[in-house]
């Protein structure tokens, strides 16, 4: 699937999901509002009936045609226009709430005009039982009435949420669908990335194997020519070419097999105390001797570095890979600088070159397996994209950190942080 098609799928899917979420939230909000209105209407009817019974019980008359006032979504006050007995009020409230099937906890208070406070009554569970201690003792007062009581429903939100359980179930299904969609997109993008890596790896392998195979083929043709039998020196030369190219192919295959073996079984480190500066100097000398073009490698090694604990072979390979990478990408006249510094229990090693540097778009991916910076159709740099991945794996096995300086002055700079509990 092309990237453009994937982008369209992600865009359309995101629009669809956002639309579904917006619609569902709208209807949930509307349903919640309807539940609150329905509850308020039912409570208002119950409290009117309670007020009517209290009027009859006290032989009083209502002072207003609508004695019930809703001060908030869960708090109501009722005008009774006379003194009120708390036991009588609680009895009527239980009867009316049970009659209209209001199954939620409530608490009530009676206004005392002499003390100008709301005297708390009781907290009544939806089962009808009374709680000894109050949940919210500060019921608000209402200045519009002289004799009134207030009823509060502290668990109204939970009650409405319970009535809307099906909606939350649908929201859960939607959340699972969104997660599944996001995971599917992740899998698609991941598969596309792996497909690109596989394609690039095959292309790189084709280029890497094409030259030595062609050289071996030419050498074999020369050796198999009957006229070459009379020229032993010529046969010796082409035989050495075949041997050299076979070794080159063998090295390339070993690199791939080594990575596969490492990923399968992990690293088997042989830890020992090593002189870091001595290893760097050894790698630098070998690197200079094995280059076919002039390479300038400078070292600025601190004498305070001392010994570190690590695997000699893998540590040596780290610097071989970093130097090889710098030589490949630094142009015709590579200039490389290696520095070591020490800060308490951390040693910092930097490997810098004078190359064109690495763009920000590729900096986060340079340590990925098989990843190579795109060079269009030009294949002037050899390799499979395994060197920095190997370096990263070795550092992680040693619990070290390897990173790329995101904004060097010029060229590319790799930073290796060697941290251990105790450094000699």
Protein backbone atom coordinates (compact mmCIF):
# COMPACT_ATOMS: atom_id res chain seq x y z
CA UNK A 1 0.00 0.00 0.00
CA UNK A 2 1.34 3.37 -0.99
CA UNK A 3 2.00 6.05 1.57
CA UNK A 4 -0.63 8.32 -0.03
CA UNK A 5 -3.27 5.61 0.33
CA UNK A 6 -2.31 4.99 3.94
CA UNK A 7 -2.56 8.71 4.63
CA UNK A 8 -6.06 8.79 3.15
CA UNK A 9 -7.10 5.77 5.23
CA UNK A 10 -5.79 7.37 8.42
CA UNK A 11 -7.43 10.72 7.61
CA UNK A 12 -10.83 9.24 6.75
CA UNK A 13 -10.68 6.92 9.76
CA UNK A 14 -9.79 9.80 12.08
CA UNK A 15 -12.64 11.92 10.69
CA UNK A 16 -15.08 9.03 11.11
CA UNK A 17 -13.98 8.34 14.68
CA UNK A 18 -14.09 12.02 15.64
CA UNK A 19 -17.57 12.27 14.14
CA UNK A 20 -18.80 9.19 16.00
CA UNK A 21 -17.32 10.43 19.28
CA UNK A 22 -18.85 13.89 18.82
CA UNK A 23 -22.30 12.43 18.03
CA UNK A 24 -22.15 10.01 20.94
CA UNK A 25 -21.05 12.72 23.36
CA UNK A 26 -23.86 14.97 22.13
CA UNK A 27 -26.52 12.33 22.68
CA UNK A 28 -24.98 11.34 26.02
CA UNK A 29 -25.13 14.94 27.20
CA UNK A 30 -28.68 15.24 25.94
CA UNK A 31 -29.70 12.01 27.63
CA UNK A 32 -28.05 13.11 30.88
CA UNK A 33 -29.96 16.39 30.74
CA UNK A 34 -33.21 14.52 30.09
CA UNK A 35 -32.54 12.24 33.05
CA UNK A 36 -31.95 15.24 35.29
CA UNK A 37 -35.15 16.94 34.06
CA UNK A 38 -37.13 13.75 34.51
CA UNK A 39 -35.77 13.30 38.01
CA UNK A 40 -36.48 16.93 38.90
CA UNK A 41 -40.06 16.65 37.64
CA UNK A 42 -40.67 13.47 39.62
CA UNK A 43 -39.16 14.94 42.79
CA UNK A 44 -41.20 18.12 42.36
CA UNK A 45 -44.41 16.08 42.19
CA UNK A 46 -43.41 14.10 45.29
CA UNK A 47 -42.53 17.22 47.27
CA UNK A 48 -45.80 18.89 46.28
CA UNK A 49 -47.64 15.88 47.61
CA UNK A 50 -45.57 16.04 50.80
CA UNK A 51 -46.36 19.75 51.17
CA UNK A 52 -50.10 19.08 50.68
CA UNK A 53 -50.07 16.43 53.40
CA UNK A 54 -48.20 18.75 55.76
CA UNK A 55 -50.75 21.52 55.13
CA UNK A 56 -53.52 19.12 56.09
CA UNK A 57 -51.59 17.84 59.09
CA UNK A 58 -50.89 21.38 60.39
CA UNK A 59 -54.29 22.79 59.28
CA UNK A 60 -52.47 25.53 57.37
CA UNK A 61 -52.76 27.09 53.96
CA UNK A 62 -50.05 27.39 51.30
CA UNK A 63 -48.60 30.87 50.83
CA UNK A 64 -47.76 30.26 47.16
CA UNK A 65 -49.34 28.20 44.39
CA UNK A 66 -46.02 26.47 43.73
CA UNK A 67 -44.36 25.63 47.06
CA UNK A 68 -41.42 23.71 45.52
CA UNK A 69 -38.25 25.47 44.34
CA UNK A 70 -35.29 23.73 42.74
CA UNK A 71 -32.10 25.52 43.76
CA UNK A 72 -29.71 23.10 42.03
CA UNK A 73 -29.86 19.84 40.15
CA UNK A 74 -30.03 17.88 43.42
CA UNK A 75 -31.34 20.36 46.01
CA UNK A 76 -34.97 21.40 46.52
CA UNK A 77 -36.74 23.59 49.10
CA UNK A 78 -40.44 23.37 49.95
CA UNK A 79 -42.61 26.07 51.59
CA UNK A 80 -44.86 24.71 54.37
CA UNK A 81 -45.95 28.07 55.89
CA UNK A 82 -45.94 26.68 59.42
CA UNK A 83 -43.73 24.95 61.96
CA UNK A 84 -42.80 21.43 61.05
CA UNK A 85 -42.14 18.19 62.91
CA UNK A 86 -39.09 16.36 61.58
CA UNK A 87 -40.53 12.87 62.18
CA UNK A 88 -43.68 13.71 60.27
CA UNK A 89 -41.64 15.16 57.38
CA UNK A 90 -39.39 12.12 57.15
CA UNK A 91 -42.40 9.79 57.19
CA UNK A 92 -44.09 11.63 54.31
CA UNK A 93 -40.88 11.83 52.30
CA UNK A 94 -40.30 8.08 52.53
CA UNK A 95 -43.87 7.32 51.48
CA UNK A 96 -43.86 9.64 48.45
CA UNK A 97 -40.39 8.68 47.24
CA UNK A 98 -41.29 5.01 47.47
CA UNK A 99 -44.56 5.67 45.65
CA UNK A 100 -42.79 7.30 42.70
CA UNK A 101 -39.90 4.84 42.76
CA UNK A 102 -37.17 7.36 43.60
CA UNK A 103 -34.42 4.96 44.60
CA UNK A 104 -31.57 7.13 45.74
CA UNK A 105 -30.27 8.37 49.08
CA UNK A 106 -31.54 11.72 50.33
CA UNK A 107 -31.02 14.05 53.27
CA UNK A 108 -33.26 16.77 54.58
CA UNK A 109 -33.12 19.80 56.83
CA UNK A 110 -35.68 22.18 58.35
CA UNK A 111 -35.21 25.93 58.49
CA UNK A 112 -35.40 27.42 61.98
CA UNK A 113 -36.53 31.04 61.68
CA UNK A 114 -35.61 31.79 65.28
CA UNK A 115 -31.94 30.86 64.88
CA UNK A 116 -31.80 31.56 61.12
CA UNK A 117 -30.06 28.22 60.35
CA UNK A 118 -30.92 25.03 58.54
CA UNK A 119 -31.23 22.35 61.20
CA UNK A 120 -30.10 19.06 59.78
CA UNK A 121 -32.60 16.20 59.87
CA UNK A 122 -31.36 12.81 58.70
CA UNK A 123 -29.60 10.98 55.92
CA UNK A 124 -31.93 8.30 54.52
CA UNK A 125 -30.69 5.47 52.35
CA UNK A 126 -32.68 4.32 49.33
CA UNK A 127 -33.64 1.27 51.38
CA UNK A 128 -35.38 3.50 53.90
CA UNK A 129 -32.79 3.10 56.66
CA UNK A 130 -31.44 6.19 58.44
CA UNK A 131 -27.77 6.96 58.77
CA UNK A 132 -26.56 8.18 62.13
CA UNK A 133 -24.00 10.73 60.94
CA UNK A 134 -24.65 13.32 58.26
CA UNK A 135 -22.95 13.43 54.89
CA UNK A 136 -23.37 17.14 54.12
CA UNK A 137 -24.49 19.13 57.14
CA UNK A 138 -24.44 22.53 55.39
CA UNK A 139 -27.70 22.64 53.47
CA UNK A 140 -28.15 26.06 51.80
CA UNK A 141 -30.79 28.49 53.06
CA UNK A 142 -33.45 30.10 50.89
CA UNK A 143 -34.59 33.66 51.60
CA UNK A 144 -37.89 33.39 49.75
CA UNK A 145 -39.70 31.36 52.45
CA UNK A 146 -40.18 31.74 56.22
CA UNK A 147 -41.13 28.15 57.03
CA UNK A 148 -39.66 25.54 54.74
CA UNK A 149 -37.57 22.40 54.53
CA UNK A 150 -34.86 21.36 52.09
CA UNK A 151 -34.15 18.00 50.49
CA UNK A 152 -30.76 17.13 49.01
CA UNK A 153 -29.83 14.11 46.87
CA UNK A 154 -26.06 13.68 47.36
CA UNK A 155 -25.80 10.61 45.10
CA UNK A 156 -27.83 11.95 42.20
CA UNK A 157 -24.86 11.81 39.83
CA UNK A 158 -24.28 8.14 40.65
CA UNK A 159 -27.98 7.40 40.23
CA UNK A 160 -28.13 8.97 36.78
CA UNK A 161 -24.90 7.28 35.80
CA UNK A 162 -26.40 3.94 36.82
CA UNK A 163 -29.48 4.63 34.69
CA UNK A 164 -27.18 5.41 31.75
CA UNK A 165 -25.14 2.23 32.07
CA UNK A 166 -25.99 1.24 28.49
CA UNK A 167 -24.52 4.51 27.25
CA UNK A 168 -21.27 3.93 29.11
CA UNK A 169 -21.23 0.42 27.70
CA UNK A 170 -21.48 1.89 24.20
CA UNK A 171 -18.72 4.35 25.04
CA UNK A 172 -16.58 1.42 26.14
CA UNK A 173 -17.24 -0.34 22.83
CA UNK A 174 -16.31 2.86 21.01
CA UNK A 175 -13.10 3.16 23.03
CA UNK A 176 -12.18 -0.43 22.16
CA UNK A 177 -12.93 0.34 18.49
CA UNK A 178 -10.72 3.42 18.59
CA UNK A 179 -7.91 1.44 20.20
CA UNK A 180 -8.32 -1.32 17.62
CA UNK A 181 -8.28 1.23 14.79
CA UNK A 182 -5.18 2.94 16.19
CA UNK A 183 -3.48 -0.44 16.62
CA UNK A 184 -4.42 -1.42 13.06
CA UNK A 185 -2.93 1.79 11.71
CA UNK A 186 0.19 1.16 13.79
CA UNK A 187 0.46 -2.37 12.37
CA UNK A 188 -0.03 -1.08 8.81
CA UNK A 189 2.63 1.59 9.24
CA UNK A 190 4.93 -0.90 10.94
CA UNK A 191 4.47 -3.43 8.14
CA UNK A 192 5.09 -0.71 5.58
CA UNK A 193 8.27 0.28 7.39
CA UNK A 194 9.44 -3.33 7.56
CA UNK A 195 8.60 -3.75 3.88
CA UNK A 196 10.71 -0.71 3.03
CA UNK A 197 13.55 -2.00 5.20
CA UNK A 198 13.36 -5.38 3.52
CA UNK A 199 13.38 -3.77 0.08
CA UNK A 200 16.31 -1.53 0.95
CA UNK A 201 18.18 -4.46 2.47
CA UNK A 202 17.71 -6.53 -0.67
CA UNK A 203 18.81 -3.60 -2.82
CA UNK A 204 21.88 -3.03 -0.66
CA UNK A 205 22.69 -6.73 -0.65
CA UNK A 206 22.38 -6.80 -4.44
CA UNK A 207 24.81 -3.89 -4.78
CA UNK A 208 27.19 -5.32 -2.16
CA UNK A 209 27.32 -8.77 -3.78
CA UNK A 210 27.25 -7.61 -7.39
CA UNK A 211 30.83 -6.28 -7.54
CA UNK A 212 32.61 -9.26 -5.91
CA UNK A 213 30.52 -11.74 -7.90
CA UNK A 214 31.40 -9.93 -11.12
CA UNK A 215 35.08 -9.95 -10.16
CA UNK A 216 34.97 -13.67 -9.35
CA UNK A 217 33.20 -14.36 -12.63
CA UNK A 218 35.85 -12.51 -14.63
CA UNK A 219 38.68 -14.20 -12.75
CA UNK A 220 37.08 -17.61 -13.27
CA UNK A 221 36.76 -16.96 -17.01
CA UNK A 222 40.42 -16.03 -17.22
CA UNK A 223 41.56 -19.07 -15.25
CA UNK A 224 39.35 -21.43 -17.25
CA UNK A 225 40.84 -20.13 -20.51
CA UNK A 226 43.28 -22.78 -21.85
CA UNK A 227 45.73 -20.07 -22.86
CA UNK A 228 46.10 -19.04 -19.22
CA UNK A 229 47.65 -22.38 -18.33
CA UNK A 230 50.90 -21.24 -19.88
CA UNK A 231 50.94 -18.14 -17.65
CA UNK A 232 51.15 -19.33 -14.00
CA UNK A 233 51.74 -15.80 -12.70
CA UNK A 234 48.49 -14.65 -14.30
CA UNK A 235 46.59 -17.57 -12.77
CA UNK A 236 48.11 -16.70 -9.38
CA UNK A 237 46.95 -13.09 -9.66
CA UNK A 238 43.39 -13.99 -10.56
CA UNK A 239 43.35 -16.73 -7.96
CA UNK A 240 44.20 -14.14 -5.31
CA UNK A 241 41.40 -11.94 -6.67
CA UNK A 242 38.94 -14.79 -6.26
CA UNK A 243 40.21 -15.42 -2.73
CA UNK A 244 39.94 -11.72 -1.84
CA UNK A 245 36.42 -11.38 -3.21
CA UNK A 246 35.29 -14.61 -1.52
CA UNK A 247 36.58 -13.27 1.80
CA UNK A 248 34.73 -10.04 1.13
CA UNK A 249 31.49 -11.93 0.48
CA UNK A 250 32.10 -14.05 3.57
CA UNK A 251 32.55 -10.93 5.71
CA UNK A 252 29.27 -9.48 4.46
CA UNK A 253 27.40 -12.70 5.18
CA UNK A 254 29.00 -12.92 8.64
CA UNK A 255 27.71 -9.44 9.47
CA UNK A 256 24.13 -10.43 8.69
CA UNK A 257 24.43 -13.75 10.52
CA UNK A 258 26.03 -12.07 13.51
CA UNK A 259 23.10 -9.67 13.91
CA UNK A 260 20.63 -12.54 13.55
CA UNK A 261 22.51 -14.57 16.17
CA UNK A 262 22.69 -11.62 18.55
CA UNK A 263 18.92 -10.97 18.27
CA UNK A 264 18.18 -14.64 18.89
CA UNK A 265 20.53 -15.47 21.75
CA UNK A 266 21.69 -12.05 22.96
CA UNK A 267 25.22 -11.04 23.84
CA UNK A 268 27.59 -13.18 25.82
CA UNK A 269 29.89 -10.55 27.29
CA UNK A 270 33.30 -11.42 28.67
CA UNK A 271 33.80 -8.62 31.14
CA UNK A 272 37.29 -7.53 32.13
CA UNK A 273 39.13 -4.35 33.10
CA UNK A 274 40.28 -2.50 29.97
CA UNK A 275 42.40 0.56 29.26
CA UNK A 276 39.99 2.63 27.17
CA UNK A 277 42.60 4.99 25.73
CA UNK A 278 44.83 2.08 24.74
CA UNK A 279 41.97 0.39 22.87
CA UNK A 280 41.12 3.64 21.05
CA UNK A 281 44.74 4.15 20.00
CA UNK A 282 44.94 0.56 18.73
CA UNK A 283 41.75 0.96 16.67
CA UNK A 284 42.93 4.30 15.26
CA UNK A 285 46.28 2.85 14.10
CA UNK A 286 44.61 -0.12 12.40
CA UNK A 287 42.03 2.13 10.78
CA UNK A 288 44.72 4.38 9.31
CA UNK A 289 46.66 1.41 7.98
CA UNK A 290 43.69 -0.21 6.25
CA UNK A 291 42.33 2.83 4.40
CA UNK A 292 42.65 3.19 0.63
CA UNK A 293 42.29 6.97 0.82
CA UNK A 294 43.99 9.58 3.04
CA UNK A 295 42.29 9.81 6.43
CA UNK A 296 43.14 12.20 9.24
CA UNK A 297 42.26 10.86 12.68
CA UNK A 298 43.03 13.05 15.66
CA UNK A 299 42.82 11.93 19.28
CA UNK A 300 42.35 14.00 22.40
CA UNK A 301 42.40 11.41 25.16
CA UNK A 302 42.26 12.39 28.81
CA UNK A 303 44.77 10.70 31.09
CA UNK A 304 42.14 10.66 33.86
CA UNK A 305 40.00 8.12 32.00
CA UNK A 306 41.79 5.04 33.33
CA UNK A 307 40.33 1.52 33.12
CA UNK A 308 36.74 0.51 32.49
CA UNK A 309 34.92 -2.80 32.73
CA UNK A 310 33.72 -4.20 29.41
CA UNK A 311 34.05 -6.80 26.69
CA UNK A 312 37.28 -6.21 24.75
CA UNK A 313 36.09 -7.56 21.40
CA UNK A 314 32.76 -5.74 21.38
CA UNK A 315 34.25 -2.50 22.70
CA UNK A 316 36.85 -2.62 19.94
CA UNK A 317 34.11 -3.25 17.38
CA UNK A 318 32.22 -0.18 18.63
CA UNK A 319 35.10 2.11 17.68
CA UNK A 320 35.79 0.25 14.42
CA UNK A 321 32.17 0.77 13.38
CA UNK A 322 32.07 4.44 14.42
CA UNK A 323 35.32 5.17 12.58
CA UNK A 324 34.25 3.17 9.54
CA UNK A 325 30.97 5.05 9.46
CA UNK A 326 32.78 8.39 9.69
CA UNK A 327 35.21 7.47 6.90
CA UNK A 328 32.37 6.38 4.60
CA UNK A 329 30.28 9.52 4.96
CA UNK A 330 32.92 12.22 5.55
CA UNK A 331 33.76 12.66 1.86
CA UNK A 332 37.06 12.42 0.01
CA UNK A 333 39.25 13.81 2.82
CA UNK A 334 37.83 12.58 6.11
CA UNK A 335 38.95 14.35 9.28
CA UNK A 336 37.93 12.51 12.43
CA UNK A 337 38.46 13.51 16.04
CA UNK A 338 38.08 11.21 19.06
CA UNK A 339 37.94 12.73 22.54
CA UNK A 340 37.63 11.18 25.96
CA UNK A 341 36.73 13.02 29.16
CA UNK A 342 35.82 11.87 32.62
CA UNK A 343 33.23 13.23 35.06
CA UNK A 344 33.12 11.36 38.38
CA UNK A 345 31.71 7.88 37.42
CA UNK A 346 30.95 8.73 33.79
CA UNK A 347 33.33 8.69 30.82
CA UNK A 348 32.26 10.57 27.71
CA UNK A 349 33.68 9.54 24.33
CA UNK A 350 32.93 11.68 21.27
CA UNK A 351 33.63 10.71 17.67
CA UNK A 352 33.31 13.69 15.30
CA UNK A 353 33.85 14.02 11.56
CA UNK A 354 33.85 16.79 8.98
CA UNK A 355 31.17 15.23 6.78
CA UNK A 356 27.89 16.79 5.59
CA UNK A 357 26.11 15.73 8.78
CA UNK A 358 22.82 13.92 9.20
CA UNK A 359 19.48 15.64 8.60
CA UNK A 360 17.03 15.90 11.48
CA UNK A 361 14.57 13.69 9.64
CA UNK A 362 17.05 10.79 9.82
CA UNK A 363 18.72 11.39 13.20
CA UNK A 364 16.21 9.32 15.19
CA UNK A 365 16.47 6.36 12.83
CA UNK A 366 20.21 5.98 12.31
CA UNK A 367 20.41 3.29 15.03
CA UNK A 368 17.61 1.18 13.52
CA UNK A 369 18.47 -2.12 11.93
CA UNK A 370 19.03 -1.99 8.15
CA UNK A 371 18.36 1.75 8.08
CA UNK A 372 20.55 3.77 5.73
CA UNK A 373 20.17 7.42 4.85
CA UNK A 374 18.50 7.57 1.41
CA UNK A 375 20.80 8.51 -1.45
CA UNK A 376 18.29 8.17 -4.31
CA UNK A 377 19.74 5.84 -6.96
CA UNK A 378 23.35 6.51 -6.01
CA UNK A 379 25.03 3.64 -4.18
CA UNK A 380 28.48 5.07 -3.50
CA UNK A 381 28.53 4.04 0.18
CA UNK A 382 28.77 0.33 0.95
CA UNK A 383 26.99 -1.42 3.80
CA UNK A 384 23.76 -3.00 4.99
CA UNK A 385 22.83 -0.46 7.66
CA UNK A 386 23.90 -2.80 10.47
CA UNK A 387 26.91 -0.96 11.92
CA UNK A 388 25.16 1.60 14.13
CA UNK A 389 22.49 -0.93 15.09
CA UNK A 390 25.28 -3.22 16.31
CA UNK A 391 26.89 -0.33 18.21
CA UNK A 392 23.57 0.53 19.88
CA UNK A 393 23.00 -3.11 20.86
CA UNK A 394 26.49 -3.43 22.35
CA UNK A 395 26.06 -0.24 24.37
CA UNK A 396 22.68 -1.39 25.71
CA UNK A 397 24.19 -4.74 26.69
CA UNK A 398 26.85 -2.85 28.69
CA UNK A 399 24.23 -0.42 30.08
CA UNK A 400 25.94 2.44 28.30
CA UNK A 401 24.36 5.21 26.23
CA UNK A 402 25.10 6.05 22.60
CA UNK A 403 23.52 9.08 20.98
CA UNK A 404 23.87 11.46 18.08
CA UNK A 405 24.51 15.12 18.73
CA UNK A 406 21.42 16.74 17.13
CA UNK A 407 23.09 20.04 16.31
CA UNK A 408 26.88 19.90 15.97
CA UNK A 409 28.80 22.83 14.55
CA UNK A 410 29.50 20.76 11.42
CA UNK A 411 29.68 17.13 10.40
CA UNK A 412 28.43 14.36 12.65
CA UNK A 413 29.21 13.71 16.32
CA UNK A 414 28.42 10.50 18.19
CA UNK A 415 28.46 10.57 21.99
CA UNK A 416 29.21 7.44 24.02
CA UNK A 417 28.49 7.64 27.76
CA UNK A 418 30.18 4.93 29.79
CA UNK A 419 28.64 4.87 33.25
CA UNK A 420 29.61 2.34 35.89
CA UNK A 421 29.30 2.08 39.63
CA UNK A 422 33.00 2.46 40.14
CA UNK A 423 35.70 3.43 37.65
CA UNK A 424 39.36 2.95 38.46
